[in-house]
């Protein structure tokens, strides 16, 4: 959270040093974080929802789809750190489809761990 004028200056300085693609990625990531906030608690599915992967999906939209597809998985700092690292691969030229494949593997592994931890 940006609490002080010093924090605002640090953020703006970092923003100014980013290239166009990195700024777009940062905006998409911020939108992703905002999309996770909701005031309503709904029952959570214990199985993936099976949302289909569109043929021309962007990496950011893939991340959003996977987050919706696996509602039982908490978006903890470990998951967010790994997902943001994968999204940065897109900035450095990795095709969206490859990034999405890696994101799908990440979410699948997290789901398998979640299932294993639930079994008594």
PDB file of N, CA and C in Angstrom:
ATOM      1  N   UNK A   1       0.850  -1.175   0.000  1.00  0.00           N
ATOM      2  CA  UNK A   1       0.000   0.000   0.000  1.00  0.00           C
ATOM      3  C   UNK A   1       0.895   1.237   0.000  1.00  0.00           C
ATOM      4  N   UNK A   2       0.565   2.177  -0.841  1.00  0.00           N
ATOM      5  CA  UNK A   2       1.343   3.415  -0.902  1.00  0.00           C
ATOM      6  C   UNK A   2       0.789   4.348   0.168  1.00  0.00           C
ATOM      7  N   UNK A   3       1.587   4.524   1.227  1.00  0.00           N
ATOM      8  CA  UNK A   3       1.113   5.294   2.373  1.00  0.00           C
ATOM      9  C   UNK A   3       1.715   6.686   2.446  1.00  0.00           C
ATOM     10  N   UNK A   4       2.907   6.836   1.933  1.00  0.00           N
ATOM     11  CA  UNK A   4       3.592   8.104   2.111  1.00  0.00           C
ATOM     12  C   UNK A   4       3.937   8.727   0.757  1.00  0.00           C
ATOM     13  N   UNK A   5       4.273   9.975   0.794  1.00  0.00           N
ATOM     14  CA  UNK A   5       4.704  10.669  -0.411  1.00  0.00           C
ATOM     15  C   UNK A   5       5.962  10.009  -0.982  1.00  0.00           C
ATOM     16  N   UNK A   6       6.824   9.524  -0.088  1.00  0.00           N
ATOM     17  CA  UNK A   6       8.046   8.847  -0.521  1.00  0.00           C
ATOM     18  C   UNK A   6       7.705   7.581  -1.326  1.00  0.00           C
ATOM     19  N   UNK A   7       6.715   6.821  -0.853  1.00  0.00           N
ATOM     20  CA  UNK A   7       6.291   5.623  -1.578  1.00  0.00           C
ATOM     21  C   UNK A   7       5.733   5.986  -2.952  1.00  0.00           C
ATOM     22  N   UNK A   8       4.958   7.051  -3.024  1.00  0.00           N
ATOM     23  CA  UNK A   8       4.408   7.495  -4.309  1.00  0.00           C
ATOM     24  C   UNK A   8       5.526   7.858  -5.275  1.00  0.00           C
ATOM     25  N   UNK A   9       6.529   8.552  -4.782  1.00  0.00           N
ATOM     26  CA  UNK A   9       7.654   8.942  -5.629  1.00  0.00           C
ATOM     27  C   UNK A   9       8.411   7.714  -6.122  1.00  0.00           C
ATOM     28  N   UNK A  10       8.627   6.741  -5.229  1.00  0.00           N
ATOM     29  CA  UNK A  10       9.311   5.508  -5.631  1.00  0.00           C
ATOM     30  C   UNK A  10       8.534   4.789  -6.719  1.00  0.00           C
ATOM     31  N   UNK A  11       7.211   4.707  -6.538  1.00  0.00           N
ATOM     32  CA  UNK A  11       6.378   4.029  -7.529  1.00  0.00           C
ATOM     33  C   UNK A  11       6.434   4.762  -8.866  1.00  0.00           C
ATOM     34  N   UNK A  12       6.276   6.070  -8.840  1.00  0.00           N
ATOM     35  CA  UNK A  12       6.303   6.845 -10.084  1.00  0.00           C
ATOM     36  C   UNK A  12       7.659   6.772 -10.778  1.00  0.00           C
ATOM     37  N   UNK A  13       8.733   6.763 -10.004  1.00  0.00           N
ATOM     38  CA  UNK A  13      10.069   6.647 -10.602  1.00  0.00           C
ATOM     39  C   UNK A  13      10.227   5.290 -11.289  1.00  0.00           C
ATOM     40  N   UNK A  14       9.783   4.262 -10.627  1.00  0.00           N
ATOM     41  CA  UNK A  14       9.848   2.928 -11.237  1.00  0.00           C
ATOM     42  C   UNK A  14       8.985   2.889 -12.498  1.00  0.00           C
ATOM     43  N   UNK A  15       7.787   3.452 -12.428  1.00  0.00           N
ATOM     44  CA  UNK A  15       6.875   3.492 -13.575  1.00  0.00           C
ATOM     45  C   UNK A  15       7.531   4.184 -14.765  1.00  0.00           C
ATOM     46  N   UNK A  16       8.159   5.305 -14.518  1.00  0.00           N
ATOM     47  CA  UNK A  16       8.791   6.075 -15.598  1.00  0.00           C
ATOM     48  C   UNK A  16       9.904   5.290 -16.283  1.00  0.00           C
ATOM     49  N   UNK A  17      10.548   4.396 -15.564  1.00  0.00           N
ATOM     50  CA  UNK A  17      11.665   3.646 -16.124  1.00  0.00           C
ATOM     51  C   UNK A  17      11.230   2.410 -16.904  1.00  0.00           C
ATOM     52  N   UNK A  18       9.958   2.043 -16.776  1.00  0.00           N
ATOM     53  CA  UNK A  18       9.460   0.868 -17.484  1.00  0.00           C
ATOM     54  C   UNK A  18       9.199   1.194 -18.949  1.00  0.00           C
ATOM     55  N   UNK A  19       9.365   0.191 -19.792  1.00  0.00           N
ATOM     56  CA  UNK A  19       9.004   0.325 -21.196  1.00  0.00           C
ATOM     57  C   UNK A  19       7.503   0.164 -21.362  1.00  0.00           C
ATOM     58  N   UNK A  20       7.035   0.398 -22.567  1.00  0.00           N
ATOM     59  CA  UNK A  20       5.596   0.332 -22.852  1.00  0.00           C
ATOM     60  C   UNK A  20       5.006  -1.043 -22.501  1.00  0.00           C
ATOM     61  N   UNK A  21       5.684  -2.110 -22.904  1.00  0.00           N
ATOM     62  CA  UNK A  21       5.164  -3.456 -22.646  1.00  0.00           C
ATOM     63  C   UNK A  21       5.118  -3.747 -21.141  1.00  0.00           C
ATOM     64  N   UNK A  22       6.146  -3.327 -20.421  1.00  0.00           N
ATOM     65  CA  UNK A  22       6.172  -3.562 -18.976  1.00  0.00           C
ATOM     66  C   UNK A  22       5.076  -2.773 -18.268  1.00  0.00           C
ATOM     67  N   UNK A  23       4.828  -1.540 -18.735  1.00  0.00           N
ATOM     68  CA  UNK A  23       3.745  -0.750 -18.144  1.00  0.00           C
ATOM     69  C   UNK A  23       2.401  -1.429 -18.372  1.00  0.00           C
ATOM     70  N   UNK A  24       2.214  -1.965 -19.584  1.00  0.00           N
ATOM     71  CA  UNK A  24       0.954  -2.654 -19.878  1.00  0.00           C
ATOM     72  C   UNK A  24       0.805  -3.885 -18.991  1.00  0.00           C
ATOM     73  N   UNK A  25       1.889  -4.622 -18.795  1.00  0.00           N
ATOM     74  CA  UNK A  25       1.849  -5.794 -17.919  1.00  0.00           C
ATOM     75  C   UNK A  25       1.512  -5.401 -16.488  1.00  0.00           C
ATOM     76  N   UNK A  26       2.109  -4.318 -16.011  1.00  0.00           N
ATOM     77  CA  UNK A  26       1.835  -3.849 -14.657  1.00  0.00           C
ATOM     78  C   UNK A  26       0.367  -3.459 -14.503  1.00  0.00           C
ATOM     79  N   UNK A  27      -0.182  -2.790 -15.500  1.00  0.00           N
ATOM     80  CA  UNK A  27      -1.602  -2.414 -15.456  1.00  0.00           C
ATOM     81  C   UNK A  27      -2.478  -3.660 -15.432  1.00  0.00           C
ATOM     82  N   UNK A  28      -2.157  -4.640 -16.292  1.00  0.00           N
ATOM     83  CA  UNK A  28      -2.949  -5.875 -16.314  1.00  0.00           C
ATOM     84  C   UNK A  28      -2.857  -6.608 -14.978  1.00  0.00           C
ATOM     85  N   UNK A  29      -1.672  -6.603 -14.389  1.00  0.00           N
ATOM     86  CA  UNK A  29      -1.520  -7.277 -13.103  1.00  0.00           C
ATOM     87  C   UNK A  29      -2.322  -6.559 -12.024  1.00  0.00           C
ATOM     88  N   UNK A  30      -2.306  -5.225 -12.050  1.00  0.00           N
ATOM     89  CA  UNK A  30      -3.099  -4.460 -11.088  1.00  0.00           C
ATOM     90  C   UNK A  30      -4.593  -4.754 -11.279  1.00  0.00           C
ATOM     91  N   UNK A  31      -5.032  -4.853 -12.544  1.00  0.00           N
ATOM     92  CA  UNK A  31      -6.434  -5.184 -12.821  1.00  0.00           C
ATOM     93  C   UNK A  31      -6.763  -6.582 -12.316  1.00  0.00           C
ATOM     94  N   UNK A  32      -5.812  -7.505 -12.477  1.00  0.00           N
ATOM     95  CA  UNK A  32      -6.007  -8.855 -11.964  1.00  0.00           C
ATOM     96  C   UNK A  32      -6.197  -8.827 -10.447  1.00  0.00           C
ATOM     97  N   UNK A  33      -5.345  -8.074  -9.768  1.00  0.00           N
ATOM     98  CA  UNK A  33      -5.462  -7.975  -8.314  1.00  0.00           C
ATOM     99  C   UNK A  33      -6.806  -7.375  -7.910  1.00  0.00           C
ATOM    100  N   UNK A  34      -7.248  -6.359  -8.639  1.00  0.00           N
ATOM    101  CA  UNK A  34      -8.555  -5.753  -8.349  1.00  0.00           C
ATOM    102  C   UNK A  34      -9.686  -6.744  -8.580  1.00  0.00           C
ATOM    103  N   UNK A  35      -9.557  -7.568  -9.611  1.00  0.00           N
ATOM    104  CA  UNK A  35     -10.618  -8.523  -9.924  1.00  0.00           C
ATOM    105  C   UNK A  35     -10.803  -9.559  -8.819  1.00  0.00           C
ATOM    106  N   UNK A  36      -9.769  -9.774  -8.017  1.00  0.00           N
ATOM    107  CA  UNK A  36      -9.852 -10.740  -6.922  1.00  0.00           C
ATOM    108  C   UNK A  36     -10.643 -10.208  -5.746  1.00  0.00           C
ATOM    109  N   UNK A  37     -10.805  -8.910  -5.671  1.00  0.00           N
ATOM    110  CA  UNK A  37     -11.512  -8.323  -4.538  1.00  0.00           C
ATOM    111  C   UNK A  37     -13.013  -8.403  -4.784  1.00  0.00           C
ATOM    112  N   UNK A  38     -13.713  -8.934  -3.817  1.00  0.00           N
ATOM    113  CA  UNK A  38     -15.170  -8.949  -3.904  1.00  0.00           C
ATOM    114  C   UNK A  38     -15.733  -8.889  -2.497  1.00  0.00           C
ATOM    115  N   UNK A  39     -16.879  -8.285  -2.386  1.00  0.00           N
ATOM    116  CA  UNK A  39     -17.500  -8.149  -1.077  1.00  0.00           C
ATOM    117  C   UNK A  39     -18.335  -9.351  -0.689  1.00  0.00           C
ATOM    118  N   UNK A  40     -18.591 -10.248  -1.624  1.00  0.00           N
ATOM    119  CA  UNK A  40     -19.473 -11.380  -1.360  1.00  0.00           C
ATOM    120  C   UNK A  40     -18.670 -12.666  -1.261  1.00  0.00           C
ATOM    121  N   UNK A  41     -19.002 -13.467  -0.294  1.00  0.00           N
ATOM    122  CA  UNK A  41     -18.405 -14.785  -0.151  1.00  0.00           C
ATOM    123  C   UNK A  41     -19.397 -15.807  -0.691  1.00  0.00           C
ATOM    124  N   UNK A  42     -19.030 -16.487  -1.738  1.00  0.00           N
ATOM    125  CA  UNK A  42     -19.888 -17.503  -2.338  1.00  0.00           C
ATOM    126  C   UNK A  42     -19.316 -18.880  -2.026  1.00  0.00           C
ATOM    127  N   UNK A  43     -20.165 -19.913  -2.082  1.00  0.00           N
ATOM    128  CA  UNK A  43     -19.637 -21.262  -1.895  1.00  0.00           C
ATOM    129  C   UNK A  43     -18.561 -21.545  -2.951  1.00  0.00           C
ATOM    130  N   UNK A  44     -17.521 -22.224  -2.541  1.00  0.00           N
ATOM    131  CA  UNK A  44     -16.406 -22.491  -3.437  1.00  0.00           C
ATOM    132  C   UNK A  44     -16.462 -23.935  -3.911  1.00  0.00           C
ATOM    133  N   UNK A  45     -16.329 -24.122  -5.207  1.00  0.00           N
ATOM    134  CA  UNK A  45     -16.307 -25.452  -5.793  1.00  0.00           C
ATOM    135  C   UNK A  45     -15.054 -26.191  -5.343  1.00  0.00           C
ATOM    136  N   UNK A  46     -15.163 -27.504  -5.167  1.00  0.00           N
ATOM    137  CA  UNK A  46     -13.990 -28.299  -4.799  1.00  0.00           C
ATOM    138  C   UNK A  46     -13.374 -28.978  -6.016  1.00  0.00           C
ATOM    139  N   UNK A  47     -13.931 -28.721  -7.182  1.00  0.00           N
ATOM    140  CA  UNK A  47     -13.362 -29.242  -8.430  1.00  0.00           C
ATOM    141  C   UNK A  47     -13.220 -28.082  -9.409  1.00  0.00           C
ATOM    142  N   UNK A  48     -12.229 -28.174 -10.307  1.00  0.00           N
ATOM    143  CA  UNK A  48     -12.082 -27.114 -11.312  1.00  0.00           C
ATOM    144  C   UNK A  48     -13.365 -26.980 -12.128  1.00  0.00           C
ATOM    145  N   UNK A  49     -13.662 -25.762 -12.545  1.00  0.00           N
ATOM    146  CA  UNK A  49     -14.916 -25.489 -13.241  1.00  0.00           C
ATOM    147  C   UNK A  49     -14.902 -25.907 -14.707  1.00  0.00           C
ATOM    148  N   UNK A  50     -13.725 -26.204 -15.249  1.00  0.00           N
ATOM    149  CA  UNK A  50     -13.649 -26.666 -16.633  1.00  0.00           C
ATOM    150  C   UNK A  50     -13.852 -25.568 -17.659  1.00  0.00           C
ATOM    151  N   UNK A  51     -13.468 -24.344 -17.320  1.00  0.00           N
ATOM    152  CA  UNK A  51     -13.621 -23.239 -18.266  1.00  0.00           C
ATOM    153  C   UNK A  51     -12.729 -23.491 -19.480  1.00  0.00           C
ATOM    154  N   UNK A  52     -13.285 -23.426 -20.689  1.00  0.00           N
ATOM    155  CA  UNK A  52     -12.492 -23.734 -21.882  1.00  0.00           C
ATOM    156  C   UNK A  52     -11.461 -22.649 -22.191  1.00  0.00           C
ATOM    157  N   UNK A  53     -10.376 -23.057 -22.786  1.00  0.00           N
ATOM    158  CA  UNK A  53      -9.304 -22.138 -23.180  1.00  0.00           C
ATOM    159  C   UNK A  53      -9.567 -21.652 -24.604  1.00  0.00           C
ATOM    160  N   UNK A  54      -9.822 -20.359 -24.765  1.00  0.00           N
ATOM    161  CA  UNK A  54     -10.016 -19.826 -26.122  1.00  0.00           C
ATOM    162  C   UNK A  54      -8.740 -19.983 -26.951  1.00  0.00           C
ATOM    163  N   UNK A  55      -8.903 -20.094 -28.251  1.00  0.00           N
ATOM    164  CA  UNK A  55      -7.748 -20.339 -29.113  1.00  0.00           C
ATOM    165  C   UNK A  55      -6.784 -19.158 -29.167  1.00  0.00           C
ATOM    166  N   UNK A  56      -7.266 -17.956 -29.031  1.00  0.00           N
ATOM    167  CA  UNK A  56      -6.375 -16.787 -29.121  1.00  0.00           C
ATOM    168  C   UNK A  56      -6.396 -15.988 -27.822  1.00  0.00           C
ATOM    169  N   UNK A  57      -6.158 -16.673 -26.722  1.00  0.00           N
ATOM    170  CA  UNK A  57      -6.203 -16.054 -25.395  1.00  0.00           C
ATOM    171  C   UNK A  57      -4.862 -15.404 -25.061  1.00  0.00           C
ATOM    172  N   UNK A  58      -4.918 -14.221 -24.466  1.00  0.00           N
ATOM    173  CA  UNK A  58      -3.682 -13.577 -23.999  1.00  0.00           C
ATOM    174  C   UNK A  58      -3.264 -14.216 -22.679  1.00  0.00           C
ATOM    175  N   UNK A  59      -2.010 -14.037 -22.320  1.00  0.00           N
ATOM    176  CA  UNK A  59      -1.503 -14.606 -21.074  1.00  0.00           C
ATOM    177  C   UNK A  59      -2.251 -14.045 -19.865  1.00  0.00           C
ATOM    178  N   UNK A  60      -2.530 -12.753 -19.872  1.00  0.00           N
ATOM    179  CA  UNK A  60      -3.234 -12.137 -18.743  1.00  0.00           C
ATOM    180  C   UNK A  60      -4.660 -12.679 -18.639  1.00  0.00           C
ATOM    181  N   UNK A  61      -5.331 -12.799 -19.780  1.00  0.00           N
ATOM    182  CA  UNK A  61      -6.689 -13.364 -19.751  1.00  0.00           C
ATOM    183  C   UNK A  61      -6.651 -14.830 -19.343  1.00  0.00           C
ATOM    184  N   UNK A  62      -5.588 -15.528 -19.732  1.00  0.00           N
ATOM    185  CA  UNK A  62      -5.433 -16.917 -19.305  1.00  0.00           C
ATOM    186  C   UNK A  62      -5.308 -17.017 -17.795  1.00  0.00           C
ATOM    187  N   UNK A  63      -4.540 -16.112 -17.209  1.00  0.00           N
ATOM    188  CA  UNK A  63      -4.399 -16.092 -15.754  1.00  0.00           C
ATOM    189  C   UNK A  63      -5.750 -15.824 -15.092  1.00  0.00           C
ATOM    190  N   UNK A  64      -6.500 -14.878 -15.621  1.00  0.00           N
ATOM    191  CA  UNK A  64      -7.825 -14.583 -15.060  1.00  0.00           C
ATOM    192  C   UNK A  64      -8.742 -15.805 -15.173  1.00  0.00           C
ATOM    193  N   UNK A  65      -8.705 -16.482 -16.329  1.00  0.00           N
ATOM    194  CA  UNK A  65      -9.543 -17.671 -16.525  1.00  0.00           C
ATOM    195  C   UNK A  65      -9.152 -18.764 -15.536  1.00  0.00           C
ATOM    196  N   UNK A  66      -7.856 -18.980 -15.368  1.00  0.00           N
ATOM    197  CA  UNK A  66      -7.409 -20.026 -14.453  1.00  0.00           C
ATOM    198  C   UNK A  66      -7.773 -19.714 -13.011  1.00  0.00           C
ATOM    199  N   UNK A  67      -7.690 -18.460 -12.626  1.00  0.00           N
ATOM    200  CA  UNK A  67      -8.084 -18.072 -11.267  1.00  0.00           C
ATOM    201  C   UNK A  67      -9.572 -18.373 -11.052  1.00  0.00           C
ATOM    202  N   UNK A  68     -10.387 -18.099 -12.068  1.00  0.00           N
ATOM    203  CA  UNK A  68     -11.818 -18.424 -11.966  1.00  0.00           C
ATOM    204  C   UNK A  68     -12.044 -19.938 -12.005  1.00  0.00           C
ATOM    205  N   UNK A  69     -11.244 -20.636 -12.811  1.00  0.00           N
ATOM    206  CA  UNK A  69     -11.404 -22.071 -12.988  1.00  0.00           C
ATOM    207  C   UNK A  69     -11.054 -22.860 -11.726  1.00  0.00           C
ATOM    208  N   UNK A  70     -10.148 -22.303 -10.910  1.00  0.00           N
ATOM    209  CA  UNK A  70      -9.711 -22.956  -9.678  1.00  0.00           C
ATOM    210  C   UNK A  70     -10.058 -22.064  -8.479  1.00  0.00           C
ATOM    211  N   UNK A  71     -11.353 -21.890  -8.182  1.00  0.00           N
ATOM    212  CA  UNK A  71     -11.739 -20.975  -7.100  1.00  0.00           C
ATOM    213  C   UNK A  71     -11.298 -21.451  -5.715  1.00  0.00           C
ATOM    214  N   UNK A  72     -10.982 -22.730  -5.605  1.00  0.00           N
ATOM    215  CA  UNK A  72     -10.595 -23.269  -4.299  1.00  0.00           C
ATOM    216  C   UNK A  72      -9.149 -22.952  -3.935  1.00  0.00           C
ATOM    217  N   UNK A  73      -8.380 -22.489  -4.899  1.00  0.00           N
ATOM    218  CA  UNK A  73      -6.965 -22.211  -4.659  1.00  0.00           C
ATOM    219  C   UNK A  73      -6.804 -20.767  -4.216  1.00  0.00           C
ATOM    220  N   UNK A  74      -6.200 -20.594  -3.046  1.00  0.00           N
ATOM    221  CA  UNK A  74      -5.946 -19.251  -2.542  1.00  0.00           C
ATOM    222  C   UNK A  74      -4.842 -18.601  -3.364  1.00  0.00           C
ATOM    223  N   UNK A  75      -5.053 -17.353  -3.701  1.00  0.00           N
ATOM    224  CA  UNK A  75      -4.040 -16.602  -4.435  1.00  0.00           C
ATOM    225  C   UNK A  75      -3.053 -16.032  -3.435  1.00  0.00           C
ATOM    226  N   UNK A  76      -2.250 -16.922  -2.836  1.00  0.00           N
ATOM    227  CA  UNK A  76      -1.270 -16.480  -1.847  1.00  0.00           C
ATOM    228  C   UNK A  76      -0.063 -15.864  -2.552  1.00  0.00           C
ATOM    229  N   UNK A  77       0.854 -15.354  -1.773  1.00  0.00           N
ATOM    230  CA  UNK A  77       2.015 -14.674  -2.349  1.00  0.00           C
ATOM    231  C   UNK A  77       2.863 -15.621  -3.195  1.00  0.00           C
ATOM    232  N   UNK A  78       2.949 -16.877  -2.829  1.00  0.00           N
ATOM    233  CA  UNK A  78       3.720 -17.829  -3.630  1.00  0.00           C
ATOM    234  C   UNK A  78       3.136 -18.001  -5.015  1.00  0.00           C
ATOM    235  N   UNK A  79       1.829 -18.159  -5.082  1.00  0.00           N
ATOM    236  CA  UNK A  79       1.163 -18.307  -6.374  1.00  0.00           C
ATOM    237  C   UNK A  79       1.282 -17.022  -7.184  1.00  0.00           C
ATOM    238  N   UNK A  80       1.041 -15.892  -6.544  1.00  0.00           N
ATOM    239  CA  UNK A  80       1.127 -14.616  -7.263  1.00  0.00           C
ATOM    240  C   UNK A  80       2.547 -14.335  -7.743  1.00  0.00           C
ATOM    241  N   UNK A  81       3.521 -14.695  -6.932  1.00  0.00           N
ATOM    242  CA  UNK A  81       4.914 -14.488  -7.319  1.00  0.00           C
ATOM    243  C   UNK A  81       5.252 -15.322  -8.553  1.00  0.00           C
ATOM    244  N   UNK A  82       4.877 -16.588  -8.521  1.00  0.00           N
ATOM    245  CA  UNK A  82       5.156 -17.469  -9.657  1.00  0.00           C
ATOM    246  C   UNK A  82       4.370 -17.037 -10.896  1.00  0.00           C
ATOM    247  N   UNK A  83       3.103 -16.679 -10.725  1.00  0.00           N
ATOM    248  CA  UNK A  83       2.295 -16.237 -11.863  1.00  0.00           C
ATOM    249  C   UNK A  83       2.849 -14.954 -12.469  1.00  0.00           C
ATOM    250  N   UNK A  84       3.269 -14.016 -11.640  1.00  0.00           N
ATOM    251  CA  UNK A  84       3.818 -12.770 -12.175  1.00  0.00           C
ATOM    252  C   UNK A  84       5.148 -13.026 -12.881  1.00  0.00           C
ATOM    253  N   UNK A  85       5.945 -13.980 -12.377  1.00  0.00           N
ATOM    254  CA  UNK A  85       7.195 -14.341 -13.045  1.00  0.00           C
ATOM    255  C   UNK A  85       6.900 -14.908 -14.428  1.00  0.00           C
ATOM    256  N   UNK A  86       5.873 -15.740 -14.514  1.00  0.00           N
ATOM    257  CA  UNK A  86       5.499 -16.307 -15.807  1.00  0.00           C
ATOM    258  C   UNK A  86       4.972 -15.230 -16.747  1.00  0.00           C
ATOM    259  N   UNK A  87       4.186 -14.291 -16.226  1.00  0.00           N
ATOM    260  CA  UNK A  87       3.683 -13.204 -17.069  1.00  0.00           C
ATOM    261  C   UNK A  87       4.825 -12.345 -17.604  1.00  0.00           C
ATOM    262  N   UNK A  88       5.870 -12.191 -16.821  1.00  0.00           N
ATOM    263  CA  UNK A  88       7.017 -11.412 -17.281  1.00  0.00           C
ATOM    264  C   UNK A  88       7.713 -12.094 -18.456  1.00  0.00           C
ATOM    265  N   UNK A  89       7.602 -13.409 -18.556  1.00  0.00           N
ATOM    266  CA  UNK A  89       8.173 -14.101 -19.710  1.00  0.00           C
ATOM    267  C   UNK A  89       7.554 -13.573 -21.006  1.00  0.00           C
ATOM    268  N   UNK A  90       6.296 -13.213 -20.940  1.00  0.00           N
ATOM    269  CA  UNK A  90       5.608 -12.658 -22.102  1.00  0.00           C
ATOM    270  C   UNK A  90       6.280 -11.360 -22.533  1.00  0.00           C
ATOM    271  N   UNK A  91       6.651 -10.539 -21.575  1.00  0.00           N
ATOM    272  CA  UNK A  91       7.310  -9.265 -21.865  1.00  0.00           C
ATOM    273  C   UNK A  91       8.615  -9.508 -22.608  1.00  0.00           C
ATOM    274  N   UNK A  92       9.278 -10.609 -22.284  1.00  0.00           N
ATOM    275  CA  UNK A  92      10.571 -10.897 -22.896  1.00  0.00           C
ATOM    276  C   UNK A  92      10.454 -11.769 -24.148  1.00  0.00           C
ATOM    277  N   UNK A  93       9.261 -11.908 -24.673  1.00  0.00           N
ATOM    278  CA  UNK A  93       9.095 -12.535 -25.978  1.00  0.00           C
ATOM    279  C   UNK A  93       8.524 -13.932 -26.014  1.00  0.00           C
ATOM    280  N   UNK A  94       8.251 -14.543 -24.883  1.00  0.00           N
ATOM    281  CA  UNK A  94       7.645 -15.871 -24.891  1.00  0.00           C
ATOM    282  C   UNK A  94       6.211 -15.756 -25.397  1.00  0.00           C
ATOM    283  N   UNK A  95       5.816 -16.591 -26.351  1.00  0.00           N
ATOM    284  CA  UNK A  95       4.441 -16.516 -26.871  1.00  0.00           C
ATOM    285  C   UNK A  95       3.399 -16.751 -25.772  1.00  0.00           C
ATOM    286  N   UNK A  96       2.250 -16.103 -25.936  1.00  0.00           N
ATOM    287  CA  UNK A  96       1.161 -16.251 -24.966  1.00  0.00           C
ATOM    288  C   UNK A  96       0.837 -17.718 -24.713  1.00  0.00           C
ATOM    289  N   UNK A  97       0.764 -18.522 -25.773  1.00  0.00           N
ATOM    290  CA  UNK A  97       0.364 -19.922 -25.616  1.00  0.00           C
ATOM    291  C   UNK A  97       1.326 -20.679 -24.694  1.00  0.00           C
ATOM    292  N   UNK A  98       2.626 -20.388 -24.789  1.00  0.00           N
ATOM    293  CA  UNK A  98       3.601 -21.044 -23.907  1.00  0.00           C
ATOM    294  C   UNK A  98       3.453 -20.574 -22.463  1.00  0.00           C
ATOM    295  N   UNK A  99       3.218 -19.288 -22.272  1.00  0.00           N
ATOM    296  CA  UNK A  99       3.010 -18.760 -20.923  1.00  0.00           C
ATOM    297  C   UNK A  99       1.749 -19.386 -20.312  1.00  0.00           C
ATOM    298  N   UNK A 100       0.696 -19.481 -21.104  1.00  0.00           N
ATOM    299  CA  UNK A 100      -0.559 -20.066 -20.610  1.00  0.00           C
ATOM    300  C   UNK A 100      -0.359 -21.536 -20.262  1.00  0.00           C
ATOM    301  N   UNK A 101       0.399 -22.268 -21.095  1.00  0.00           N
ATOM    302  CA  UNK A 101       0.693 -23.671 -20.771  1.00  0.00           C
ATOM    303  C   UNK A 101       1.356 -23.771 -19.400  1.00  0.00           C
ATOM    304  N   UNK A 102       2.314 -22.902 -19.141  1.00  0.00           N
ATOM    305  CA  UNK A 102       3.020 -22.910 -17.856  1.00  0.00           C
ATOM    306  C   UNK A 102       2.086 -22.506 -16.713  1.00  0.00           C
ATOM    307  N   UNK A 103       1.209 -21.522 -16.958  1.00  0.00           N
ATOM    308  CA  UNK A 103       0.244 -21.119 -15.935  1.00  0.00           C
ATOM    309  C   UNK A 103      -0.714 -22.272 -15.631  1.00  0.00           C
ATOM    310  N   UNK A 104      -1.154 -22.975 -16.674  1.00  0.00           N
ATOM    311  CA  UNK A 104      -2.049 -24.109 -16.463  1.00  0.00           C
ATOM    312  C   UNK A 104      -1.368 -25.197 -15.637  1.00  0.00           C
ATOM    313  N   UNK A 105      -0.091 -25.440 -15.911  1.00  0.00           N
ATOM    314  CA  UNK A 105       0.648 -26.438 -15.123  1.00  0.00           C
ATOM    315  C   UNK A 105       0.781 -25.988 -13.669  1.00  0.00           C
ATOM    316  N   UNK A 106       1.023 -24.697 -13.461  1.00  0.00           N
ATOM    317  CA  UNK A 106       1.127 -24.143 -12.112  1.00  0.00           C
ATOM    318  C   UNK A 106      -0.176 -24.339 -11.349  1.00  0.00           C
ATOM    319  N   UNK A 107      -1.293 -23.963 -11.958  1.00  0.00           N
ATOM    320  CA  UNK A 107      -2.581 -24.097 -11.278  1.00  0.00           C
ATOM    321  C   UNK A 107      -2.947 -25.564 -11.058  1.00  0.00           C
ATOM    322  N   UNK A 108      -2.635 -26.421 -12.016  1.00  0.00           N
ATOM    323  CA  UNK A 108      -2.917 -27.846 -11.860  1.00  0.00           C
ATOM    324  C   UNK A 108      -2.122 -28.431 -10.689  1.00  0.00           C
ATOM    325  N   UNK A 109      -0.859 -28.058 -10.587  1.00  0.00           N
ATOM    326  CA  UNK A 109      -0.033 -28.541  -9.474  1.00  0.00           C
ATOM    327  C   UNK A 109      -0.560 -28.024  -8.142  1.00  0.00           C
ATOM    328  N   UNK A 110      -0.945 -26.757  -8.111  1.00  0.00           N
ATOM    329  CA  UNK A 110      -1.511 -26.201  -6.872  1.00  0.00           C
ATOM    330  C   UNK A 110      -2.793 -26.926  -6.491  1.00  0.00           C
ATOM    331  N   UNK A 111      -3.626 -27.251  -7.491  1.00  0.00           N
ATOM    332  CA  UNK A 111      -4.870 -27.971  -7.231  1.00  0.00           C
ATOM    333  C   UNK A 111      -4.576 -29.365  -6.676  1.00  0.00           C
ATOM    334  N   UNK A 112      -3.606 -30.060  -7.276  1.00  0.00           N
ATOM    335  CA  UNK A 112      -3.251 -31.391  -6.783  1.00  0.00           C
ATOM    336  C   UNK A 112      -2.746 -31.328  -5.339  1.00  0.00           C
ATOM    337  N   UNK A 113      -1.945 -30.318  -5.030  1.00  0.00           N
ATOM    338  CA  UNK A 113      -1.476 -30.132  -3.648  1.00  0.00           C
ATOM    339  C   UNK A 113      -2.648 -29.839  -2.719  1.00  0.00           C
ATOM    340  N   UNK A 114      -3.584 -29.018  -3.172  1.00  0.00           N
ATOM    341  CA  UNK A 114      -4.768 -28.672  -2.378  1.00  0.00           C
ATOM    342  C   UNK A 114      -5.575 -29.937  -2.091  1.00  0.00           C
ATOM    343  N   UNK A 115      -5.765 -30.771  -3.135  1.00  0.00           N
ATOM    344  CA  UNK A 115      -6.510 -32.016  -2.944  1.00  0.00           C
ATOM    345  C   UNK A 115      -5.799 -32.938  -1.947  1.00  0.00           C
ATOM    346  N   UNK A 116      -4.493 -33.086  -2.102  1.00  0.00           N
ATOM    347  CA  UNK A 116      -3.718 -33.955  -1.233  1.00  0.00           C
ATOM    348  C   UNK A 116      -3.815 -33.486   0.229  1.00  0.00           C
ATOM    349  N   UNK A 117      -3.771 -32.178   0.438  1.00  0.00           N
ATOM    350  CA  UNK A 117      -3.824 -31.637   1.792  1.00  0.00           C
ATOM    351  C   UNK A 117      -5.199 -31.814   2.435  1.00  0.00           C
ATOM    352  N   UNK A 118      -6.238 -31.985   1.630  1.00  0.00           N
ATOM    353  CA  UNK A 118      -7.597 -32.149   2.161  1.00  0.00           C
ATOM    354  C   UNK A 118      -7.907 -33.576   2.575  1.00  0.00           C
ATOM    355  N   UNK A 119      -7.171 -34.536   2.047  1.00  0.00           N
ATOM    356  CA  UNK A 119      -7.452 -35.943   2.337  1.00  0.00           C
ATOM    357  C   UNK A 119      -6.944 -36.261   3.740  1.00  0.00           C
ATOM    358  N   UNK A 120      -7.844 -36.768   4.605  1.00  0.00           N
ATOM    359  CA  UNK A 120      -7.432 -37.090   5.976  1.00  0.00           C
ATOM    360  C   UNK A 120      -6.539 -38.313   6.053  1.00  0.00           C
TER     361      UNK A 120
END
